[in-house]
Amino acid sequence: MTKLAQWLCGVAILGAIWAVLTMGALGLELPSSCQEVLWPLPAYLLVSAGCYALGMVGYRVATFQDCEEAARELQSQIQEARADLARKGLRF
């Protein structure tokens, strides 16, 4: 099962539980304080997930590491490719 399918299954299960609790399909009588929290819960979770994602992107950008050895290797490969193309008659 792919990661997307796992996430979709999890969201579907949570959505079904939320719908059952808010619509009263099981006949449960929840207190009004629980109902007040339960109705906007998906919006709160969506905002929380967005904040988490934004924070993780910011953290990854802040701790990004340069790979100087890989950069030197790539530059040498570029020089080899240019030399090979120059031998074949291509001018830069």
PDB file of N, CA and C in Angstrom:
ATOM      1  N   MET A   1       0.850  -1.170   0.000  1.00  0.00           N
ATOM      2  CA  MET A   1       0.000   0.000   0.000  1.00  0.00           C
ATOM      3  C   MET A   1       0.894   1.232   0.000  1.00  0.00           C
ATOM      4  N   THR A   2       0.591   2.163  -0.863  1.00  0.00           N
ATOM      5  CA  THR A   2       1.407   3.369  -0.947  1.00  0.00           C
ATOM      6  C   THR A   2       1.116   4.287   0.229  1.00  0.00           C
ATOM      7  N   LYS A   3       2.000   5.229   0.424  1.00  0.00           N
ATOM      8  CA  LYS A   3       1.829   6.182   1.526  1.00  0.00           C
ATOM      9  C   LYS A   3       0.568   7.017   1.330  1.00  0.00           C
ATOM     10  N   LEU A   4       0.271   7.376   0.080  1.00  0.00           N
ATOM     11  CA  LEU A   4      -0.938   8.143  -0.199  1.00  0.00           C
ATOM     12  C   LEU A   4      -2.182   7.351   0.196  1.00  0.00           C
ATOM     13  N   ALA A   5      -2.201   6.063  -0.135  1.00  0.00           N
ATOM     14  CA  ALA A   5      -3.347   5.229   0.214  1.00  0.00           C
ATOM     15  C   ALA A   5      -3.492   5.109   1.730  1.00  0.00           C
ATOM     16  N   GLN A   6      -2.370   5.014   2.439  1.00  0.00           N
ATOM     17  CA  GLN A   6      -2.424   4.955   3.895  1.00  0.00           C
ATOM     18  C   GLN A   6      -3.019   6.238   4.470  1.00  0.00           C
ATOM     19  N   TRP A   7      -2.573   7.388   3.962  1.00  0.00           N
ATOM     20  CA  TRP A   7      -3.097   8.662   4.442  1.00  0.00           C
ATOM     21  C   TRP A   7      -4.580   8.793   4.123  1.00  0.00           C
ATOM     22  N   LEU A   8      -4.972   8.403   2.920  1.00  0.00           N
ATOM     23  CA  LEU A   8      -6.378   8.497   2.540  1.00  0.00           C
ATOM     24  C   LEU A   8      -7.252   7.582   3.390  1.00  0.00           C
ATOM     25  N   CYS A   9      -6.763   6.387   3.695  1.00  0.00           N
ATOM     26  CA  CYS A   9      -7.514   5.481   4.580  1.00  0.00           C
ATOM     27  C   CYS A   9      -7.661   6.100   5.970  1.00  0.00           C
ATOM     28  N   GLY A  10      -6.597   6.665   6.481  1.00  0.00           N
ATOM     29  CA  GLY A  10      -6.651   7.302   7.797  1.00  0.00           C
ATOM     30  C   GLY A  10      -7.612   8.474   7.834  1.00  0.00           C
ATOM     31  N   VAL A  11      -7.581   9.303   6.787  1.00  0.00           N
ATOM     32  CA  VAL A  11      -8.485  10.456   6.715  1.00  0.00           C
ATOM     33  C   VAL A  11      -9.933   9.981   6.585  1.00  0.00           C
ATOM     34  N   ALA A  12     -10.145   8.926   5.805  1.00  0.00           N
ATOM     35  CA  ALA A  12     -11.502   8.404   5.639  1.00  0.00           C
ATOM     36  C   ALA A  12     -12.040   7.849   6.953  1.00  0.00           C
ATOM     37  N   ILE A  13     -11.210   7.141   7.691  1.00  0.00           N
ATOM     38  CA  ILE A  13     -11.638   6.591   8.981  1.00  0.00           C
ATOM     39  C   ILE A  13     -11.941   7.704   9.971  1.00  0.00           C
ATOM     40  N   LEU A  14     -11.051   8.686  10.057  1.00  0.00           N
ATOM     41  CA  LEU A  14     -11.294   9.815  10.962  1.00  0.00           C
ATOM     42  C   LEU A  14     -12.531  10.606  10.539  1.00  0.00           C
ATOM     43  N   GLY A  15     -12.722  10.775   9.240  1.00  0.00           N
ATOM     44  CA  GLY A  15     -13.906  11.474   8.747  1.00  0.00           C
ATOM     45  C   GLY A  15     -15.188  10.731   9.068  1.00  0.00           C
ATOM     46  N   ALA A  16     -15.150   9.408   8.957  1.00  0.00           N
ATOM     47  CA  ALA A  16     -16.330   8.614   9.286  1.00  0.00           C
ATOM     48  C   ALA A  16     -16.645   8.703  10.777  1.00  0.00           C
ATOM     49  N   ILE A  17     -15.627   8.639  11.613  1.00  0.00           N
ATOM     50  CA  ILE A  17     -15.841   8.761  13.061  1.00  0.00           C
ATOM     51  C   ILE A  17     -16.403  10.135  13.394  1.00  0.00           C
ATOM     52  N   TRP A  18     -15.837  11.176  12.763  1.00  0.00           N
ATOM     53  CA  TRP A  18     -16.330  12.529  13.001  1.00  0.00           C
ATOM     54  C   TRP A  18     -17.794  12.663  12.582  1.00  0.00           C
ATOM     55  N   ALA A  19     -18.128  12.107  11.410  1.00  0.00           N
ATOM     56  CA  ALA A  19     -19.509  12.200  10.919  1.00  0.00           C
ATOM     57  C   ALA A  19     -20.475  11.456  11.835  1.00  0.00           C
ATOM     58  N   VAL A  20     -20.083  10.289  12.301  1.00  0.00           N
ATOM     59  CA  VAL A  20     -20.952   9.513  13.194  1.00  0.00           C
ATOM     60  C   VAL A  20     -21.180  10.268  14.499  1.00  0.00           C
ATOM     61  N   LEU A  21     -20.129  10.870  15.029  1.00  0.00           N
ATOM     62  CA  LEU A  21     -20.278  11.594  16.292  1.00  0.00           C
ATOM     63  C   LEU A  21     -21.078  12.878  16.141  1.00  0.00           C
ATOM     64  N   THR A  22     -20.885  13.602  15.051  1.00  0.00           N
ATOM     65  CA  THR A  22     -21.600  14.875  14.892  1.00  0.00           C
ATOM     66  C   THR A  22     -23.047  14.685  14.458  1.00  0.00           C
ATOM     67  N   MET A  23     -23.333  13.656  13.693  1.00  0.00           N
ATOM     68  CA  MET A  23     -24.698  13.435  13.218  1.00  0.00           C
ATOM     69  C   MET A  23     -25.533  12.618  14.206  1.00  0.00           C
ATOM     70  N   GLY A  24     -24.891  12.043  15.207  1.00  0.00           N
ATOM     71  CA  GLY A  24     -25.613  11.260  16.210  1.00  0.00           C
ATOM     72  C   GLY A  24     -26.152   9.956  15.664  1.00  0.00           C
ATOM     73  N   ALA A  25     -25.438   9.324  14.759  1.00  0.00           N
ATOM     74  CA  ALA A  25     -25.908   8.091  14.136  1.00  0.00           C
ATOM     75  C   ALA A  25     -25.953   6.918  15.112  1.00  0.00           C
ATOM     76  N   LEU A  26     -25.155   6.949  16.143  1.00  0.00           N
ATOM     77  CA  LEU A  26     -25.147   5.858  17.114  1.00  0.00           C
ATOM     78  C   LEU A  26     -26.118   6.090  18.269  1.00  0.00           C
ATOM     79  N   GLY A  27     -26.771   7.229  18.271  1.00  0.00           N
ATOM     80  CA  GLY A  27     -27.699   7.538  19.353  1.00  0.00           C
ATOM     81  C   GLY A  27     -27.009   8.046  20.604  1.00  0.00           C
ATOM     82  N   LEU A  28     -25.760   8.428  20.486  1.00  0.00           N
ATOM     83  CA  LEU A  28     -25.042   8.961  21.638  1.00  0.00           C
ATOM     84  C   LEU A  28     -25.465  10.405  21.866  1.00  0.00           C
ATOM     85  N   GLU A  29     -25.754  10.734  23.076  1.00  0.00           N
ATOM     86  CA  GLU A  29     -26.097  12.110  23.427  1.00  0.00           C
ATOM     87  C   GLU A  29     -24.861  12.766  24.028  1.00  0.00           C
ATOM     88  N   LEU A  30     -24.128  13.500  23.212  1.00  0.00           N
ATOM     89  CA  LEU A  30     -22.923  14.172  23.690  1.00  0.00           C
ATOM     90  C   LEU A  30     -23.309  15.503  24.316  1.00  0.00           C
ATOM     91  N   PRO A  31     -22.579  15.920  25.335  1.00  0.00           N
ATOM     92  CA  PRO A  31     -22.855  17.237  25.925  1.00  0.00           C
ATOM     93  C   PRO A  31     -22.632  18.351  24.897  1.00  0.00           C
ATOM     94  N   SER A  32     -23.273  19.477  25.122  1.00  0.00           N
ATOM     95  CA  SER A  32     -23.176  20.575  24.160  1.00  0.00           C
ATOM     96  C   SER A  32     -21.745  21.103  24.051  1.00  0.00           C
ATOM     97  N   SER A  33     -20.972  21.033  25.132  1.00  0.00           N
ATOM     98  CA  SER A  33     -19.577  21.488  25.057  1.00  0.00           C
ATOM     99  C   SER A  33     -18.773  20.617  24.097  1.00  0.00           C
ATOM    100  N   CYS A  34     -19.050  19.312  24.091  1.00  0.00           N
ATOM    101  CA  CYS A  34     -18.364  18.420  23.144  1.00  0.00           C
ATOM    102  C   CYS A  34     -18.804  18.705  21.713  1.00  0.00           C
ATOM    103  N   GLN A  35     -20.092  18.985  21.519  1.00  0.00           N
ATOM    104  CA  GLN A  35     -20.593  19.309  20.189  1.00  0.00           C
ATOM    105  C   GLN A  35     -19.962  20.587  19.652  1.00  0.00           C
ATOM    106  N   GLU A  36     -19.776  21.568  20.536  1.00  0.00           N
ATOM    107  CA  GLU A  36     -19.174  22.831  20.121  1.00  0.00           C
ATOM    108  C   GLU A  36     -17.734  22.656  19.675  1.00  0.00           C
ATOM    109  N   VAL A  37     -17.039  21.713  20.255  1.00  0.00           N
ATOM    110  CA  VAL A  37     -15.650  21.438  19.875  1.00  0.00           C
ATOM    111  C   VAL A  37     -15.600  20.516  18.667  1.00  0.00           C
ATOM    112  N   LEU A  38     -16.550  19.607  18.568  1.00  0.00           N
ATOM    113  CA  LEU A  38     -16.529  18.578  17.530  1.00  0.00           C
ATOM    114  C   LEU A  38     -16.841  19.134  16.134  1.00  0.00           C
ATOM    115  N   TRP A  39     -17.742  20.087  16.022  1.00  0.00           N
ATOM    116  CA  TRP A  39     -18.113  20.595  14.706  1.00  0.00           C
ATOM    117  C   TRP A  39     -16.947  21.247  13.969  1.00  0.00           C
ATOM    118  N   PRO A  40     -16.187  22.159  14.575  1.00  0.00           N
ATOM    119  CA  PRO A  40     -15.084  22.789  13.805  1.00  0.00           C
ATOM    120  C   PRO A  40     -13.773  22.001  13.853  1.00  0.00           C
ATOM    121  N   LEU A  41     -13.782  20.798  14.411  1.00  0.00           N
ATOM    122  CA  LEU A  41     -12.549  20.021  14.557  1.00  0.00           C
ATOM    123  C   LEU A  41     -11.804  19.799  13.236  1.00  0.00           C
ATOM    124  N   PRO A  42     -12.454  19.465  12.117  1.00  0.00           N
ATOM    125  CA  PRO A  42     -11.700  19.297  10.859  1.00  0.00           C
ATOM    126  C   PRO A  42     -10.947  20.560  10.439  1.00  0.00           C
ATOM    127  N   ALA A  43     -11.552  21.712  10.643  1.00  0.00           N
ATOM    128  CA  ALA A  43     -10.871  22.963  10.279  1.00  0.00           C
ATOM    129  C   ALA A  43      -9.651  23.174  11.172  1.00  0.00           C
ATOM    130  N   TYR A  44      -9.796  22.890  12.462  1.00  0.00           N
ATOM    131  CA  TYR A  44      -8.660  23.020  13.375  1.00  0.00           C
ATOM    132  C   TYR A  44      -7.533  22.072  12.980  1.00  0.00           C
ATOM    133  N   LEU A  45      -7.884  20.848  12.631  1.00  0.00           N
ATOM    134  CA  LEU A  45      -6.863  19.877  12.232  1.00  0.00           C
ATOM    135  C   LEU A  45      -6.173  20.290  10.932  1.00  0.00           C
ATOM    136  N   LEU A  46      -6.937  20.843  10.001  1.00  0.00           N
ATOM    137  CA  LEU A  46      -6.349  21.305   8.733  1.00  0.00           C
ATOM    138  C   LEU A  46      -5.386  22.457   8.964  1.00  0.00           C
ATOM    139  N   VAL A  47      -5.763  23.402   9.797  1.00  0.00           N
ATOM    140  CA  VAL A  47      -4.874  24.531  10.105  1.00  0.00           C
ATOM    141  C   VAL A  47      -3.633  24.044  10.836  1.00  0.00           C
ATOM    142  N   SER A  48      -3.805  23.105  11.763  1.00  0.00           N
ATOM    143  CA  SER A  48      -2.659  22.556  12.494  1.00  0.00           C
ATOM    144  C   SER A  48      -1.696  21.834  11.559  1.00  0.00           C
ATOM    145  N   ALA A  49      -2.234  21.051  10.626  1.00  0.00           N
ATOM    146  CA  ALA A  49      -1.384  20.341   9.671  1.00  0.00           C
ATOM    147  C   ALA A  49      -0.634  21.330   8.781  1.00  0.00           C
ATOM    148  N   GLY A  50      -1.292  22.404   8.380  1.00  0.00           N
ATOM    149  CA  GLY A  50      -0.625  23.428   7.573  1.00  0.00           C
ATOM    150  C   GLY A  50       0.493  24.122   8.331  1.00  0.00           C
ATOM    151  N   CYS A  51       0.248  24.430   9.605  1.00  0.00           N
ATOM    152  CA  CYS A  51       1.290  25.063  10.423  1.00  0.00           C
ATOM    153  C   CYS A  51       2.481  24.127  10.610  1.00  0.00           C
ATOM    154  N   TYR A  52       2.187  22.849  10.834  1.00  0.00           N
ATOM    155  CA  TYR A  52       3.262  21.868  10.986  1.00  0.00           C
ATOM    156  C   TYR A  52       4.082  21.771   9.694  1.00  0.00           C
ATOM    157  N   ALA A  53       3.404  21.702   8.553  1.00  0.00           N
ATOM    158  CA  ALA A  53       4.116  21.597   7.275  1.00  0.00           C
ATOM    159  C   ALA A  53       4.968  22.828   7.020  1.00  0.00           C
ATOM    160  N   LEU A  54       4.417  24.000   7.298  1.00  0.00           N
ATOM    161  CA  LEU A  54       5.177  25.233   7.113  1.00  0.00           C
ATOM    162  C   LEU A  54       6.394  25.274   8.038  1.00  0.00           C
ATOM    163  N   GLY A  55       6.214  24.844   9.265  1.00  0.00           N
ATOM    164  CA  GLY A  55       7.334  24.798  10.201  1.00  0.00           C
ATOM    165  C   GLY A  55       8.412  23.819   9.763  1.00  0.00           C
ATOM    166  N   MET A  56       8.015  22.660   9.250  1.00  0.00           N
ATOM    167  CA  MET A  56       8.999  21.676   8.796  1.00  0.00           C
ATOM    168  C   MET A  56       9.763  22.173   7.577  1.00  0.00           C
ATOM    169  N   VAL A  57       9.082  22.829   6.651  1.00  0.00           N
ATOM    170  CA  VAL A  57       9.772  23.380   5.483  1.00  0.00           C
ATOM    171  C   VAL A  57      10.772  24.439   5.928  1.00  0.00           C
ATOM    172  N   GLY A  58      10.360  25.318   6.832  1.00  0.00           N
ATOM    173  CA  GLY A  58      11.272  26.341   7.350  1.00  0.00           C
ATOM    174  C   GLY A  58      12.473  25.740   8.053  1.00  0.00           C
ATOM    175  N   TYR A  59      12.246  24.703   8.836  1.00  0.00           N
ATOM    176  CA  TYR A  59      13.350  24.049   9.547  1.00  0.00           C
ATOM    177  C   TYR A  59      14.311  23.404   8.560  1.00  0.00           C
ATOM    178  N   ARG A  60      13.766  22.703   7.549  1.00  0.00           N
ATOM    179  CA  ARG A  60      14.630  22.032   6.565  1.00  0.00           C
ATOM    180  C   ARG A  60      15.435  23.044   5.749  1.00  0.00           C
ATOM    181  N   VAL A  61      14.837  24.171   5.429  1.00  0.00           N
ATOM    182  CA  VAL A  61      15.569  25.208   4.694  1.00  0.00           C
ATOM    183  C   VAL A  61      16.667  25.797   5.575  1.00  0.00           C
ATOM    184  N   ALA A  62      16.361  26.008   6.857  1.00  0.00           N
ATOM    185  CA  ALA A  62      17.342  26.599   7.769  1.00  0.00           C
ATOM    186  C   ALA A  62      18.519  25.662   8.031  1.00  0.00           C
ATOM    187  N   THR A  63      18.290  24.358   8.000  1.00  0.00           N
ATOM    188  CA  THR A  63      19.360  23.402   8.303  1.00  0.00           C
ATOM    189  C   THR A  63      19.885  22.709   7.047  1.00  0.00           C
ATOM    190  N   PHE A  64      19.644  23.304   5.879  1.00  0.00           N
ATOM    191  CA  PHE A  64      20.109  22.717   4.624  1.00  0.00           C
ATOM    192  C   PHE A  64      21.630  22.688   4.597  1.00  0.00           C
ATOM    193  N   GLN A  65      22.191  21.561   4.207  1.00  0.00           N
ATOM    194  CA  GLN A  65      23.643  21.396   4.183  1.00  0.00           C
ATOM    195  C   GLN A  65      24.142  21.418   2.739  1.00  0.00           C
ATOM    196  N   ASP A  66      25.196  22.181   2.498  1.00  0.00           N
ATOM    197  CA  ASP A  66      25.819  22.193   1.182  1.00  0.00           C
ATOM    198  C   ASP A  66      26.717  20.976   1.041  1.00  0.00           C
ATOM    199  N   CYS A  67      26.729  20.405  -0.135  1.00  0.00           N
ATOM    200  CA  CYS A  67      27.570  19.248  -0.428  1.00  0.00           C
ATOM    201  C   CYS A  67      28.675  19.716  -1.368  1.00  0.00           C
ATOM    202  N   GLU A  68      29.765  20.210  -0.788  1.00  0.00           N
ATOM    203  CA  GLU A  68      30.833  20.782  -1.595  1.00  0.00           C
ATOM    204  C   GLU A  68      31.532  19.720  -2.434  1.00  0.00           C
ATOM    205  N   GLU A  69      31.675  18.523  -1.904  1.00  0.00           N
ATOM    206  CA  GLU A  69      32.322  17.455  -2.665  1.00  0.00           C
ATOM    207  C   GLU A  69      31.480  17.093  -3.888  1.00  0.00           C
ATOM    208  N   ALA A  70      30.176  17.011  -3.727  1.00  0.00           N
ATOM    209  CA  ALA A  70      29.290  16.711  -4.854  1.00  0.00           C
ATOM    210  C   ALA A  70      29.322  17.851  -5.875  1.00  0.00           C
ATOM    211  N   ALA A  71      29.432  19.088  -5.405  1.00  0.00           N
ATOM    212  CA  ALA A  71      29.507  20.225  -6.325  1.00  0.00           C
ATOM    213  C   ALA A  71      30.785  20.165  -7.149  1.00  0.00           C
ATOM    214  N   ARG A  72      31.898  19.813  -6.517  1.00  0.00           N
ATOM    215  CA  ARG A  72      33.158  19.696  -7.267  1.00  0.00           C
ATOM    216  C   ARG A  72      33.069  18.560  -8.290  1.00  0.00           C
ATOM    217  N   GLU A  73      32.465  17.446  -7.897  1.00  0.00           N
ATOM    218  CA  GLU A  73      32.319  16.324  -8.818  1.00  0.00           C
ATOM    219  C   GLU A  73      31.445  16.714 -10.006  1.00  0.00           C
ATOM    220  N   LEU A  74      30.378  17.432  -9.752  1.00  0.00           N
ATOM    221  CA  LEU A  74      29.500  17.874 -10.831  1.00  0.00           C
ATOM    222  C   LEU A  74      30.215  18.842 -11.767  1.00  0.00           C
ATOM    223  N   GLN A  75      31.012  19.754 -11.214  1.00  0.00           N
ATOM    224  CA  GLN A  75      31.774  20.689 -12.051  1.00  0.00           C
ATOM    225  C   GLN A  75      32.766  19.939 -12.933  1.00  0.00           C
ATOM    226  N   SER A  76      33.419  18.916 -12.387  1.00  0.00           N
ATOM    227  CA  SER A  76      34.368  18.150 -13.205  1.00  0.00           C
ATOM    228  C   SER A  76      33.634  17.390 -14.311  1.00  0.00           C
ATOM    229  N   GLN A  77      32.454  16.866 -14.030  1.00  0.00           N
ATOM    230  CA  GLN A  77      31.675  16.184 -15.063  1.00  0.00           C
ATOM    231  C   GLN A  77      31.236  17.165 -16.151  1.00  0.00           C
ATOM    232  N   ILE A  78      30.913  18.389 -15.767  1.00  0.00           N
ATOM    233  CA  ILE A  78      30.547  19.410 -16.754  1.00  0.00           C
ATOM    234  C   ILE A  78      31.738  19.723 -17.645  1.00  0.00           C
ATOM    235  N   GLN A  79      32.922  19.843 -17.056  1.00  0.00           N
ATOM    236  CA  GLN A  79      34.121  20.128 -17.845  1.00  0.00           C
ATOM    237  C   GLN A  79      34.420  18.978 -18.806  1.00  0.00           C
ATOM    238  N   GLU A  80      34.247  17.731 -18.340  1.00  0.00           N
ATOM    239  CA  GLU A  80      34.464  16.576 -19.220  1.00  0.00           C
ATOM    240  C   GLU A  80      33.462  16.584 -20.369  1.00  0.00           C
ATOM    241  N   ALA A  81      32.234  16.898 -20.094  1.00  0.00           N
ATOM    242  CA  ALA A  81      31.213  16.926 -21.145  1.00  0.00           C
ATOM    243  C   ALA A  81      31.500  18.024 -22.148  1.00  0.00           C
ATOM    244  N   ARG A  82      31.948  19.183 -21.676  1.00  0.00           N
ATOM    245  CA  ARG A  82      32.292  20.276 -22.598  1.00  0.00           C
ATOM    246  C   ARG A  82      33.469  19.890 -23.480  1.00  0.00           C
ATOM    247  N   ALA A  83      34.468  19.244 -22.874  1.00  0.00           N
ATOM    248  CA  ALA A  83      35.629  18.819 -23.662  1.00  0.00           C
ATOM    249  C   ALA A  83      35.220  17.783 -24.707  1.00  0.00           C
ATOM    250  N   ASP A  84      34.361  16.862 -24.325  1.00  0.00           N
ATOM    251  CA  ASP A  84      33.886  15.845 -25.262  1.00  0.00           C
ATOM    252  C   ASP A  84      33.098  16.477 -26.408  1.00  0.00           C
ATOM    253  N   LEU A  85      32.237  17.430 -26.069  1.00  0.00           N
ATOM    254  CA  LEU A  85      31.470  18.103 -27.123  1.00  0.00           C
ATOM    255  C   LEU A  85      32.359  18.977 -27.995  1.00  0.00           C
ATOM    256  N   ALA A  86      33.405  19.576 -27.419  1.00  0.00           N
ATOM    257  CA  ALA A  86      34.327  20.382 -28.215  1.00  0.00           C
ATOM    258  C   ALA A  86      35.076  19.497 -29.215  1.00  0.00           C
ATOM    259  N   ARG A  87      35.460  18.288 -28.794  1.00  0.00           N
ATOM    260  CA  ARG A  87      36.116  17.367 -29.714  1.00  0.00           C
ATOM    261  C   ARG A  87      35.197  16.981 -30.857  1.00  0.00           C
ATOM    262  N   LYS A  88      33.908  16.978 -30.600  1.00  0.00           N
ATOM    263  CA  LYS A  88      32.945  16.599 -31.655  1.00  0.00           C
ATOM    264  C   LYS A  88      32.544  17.799 -32.507  1.00  0.00           C
ATOM    265  N   GLY A  89      33.116  18.968 -32.222  1.00  0.00           N
ATOM    266  CA  GLY A  89      32.921  20.123 -33.088  1.00  0.00           C
ATOM    267  C   GLY A  89      31.926  21.154 -32.577  1.00  0.00           C
ATOM    268  N   LEU A  90      31.416  21.008 -31.403  1.00  0.00           N
ATOM    269  CA  LEU A  90      30.462  21.974 -30.868  1.00  0.00           C
ATOM    270  C   LEU A  90      31.244  23.090 -30.192  1.00  0.00           C
ATOM    271  N   ARG A  91      30.886  24.355 -30.516  1.00  0.00           N
ATOM    272  CA  ARG A  91      31.554  25.489 -29.897  1.00  0.00           C
ATOM    273  C   ARG A  91      30.636  26.119 -28.865  1.00  0.00           C
ATOM    274  N   PHE A  92      31.221  26.630 -27.770  1.00  0.00           N
ATOM    275  CA  PHE A  92      30.446  27.276 -26.705  1.00  0.00           C
ATOM    276  C   PHE A  92      30.620  28.765 -26.783  1.00  0.00           C
TER     277      PHE A  92
END
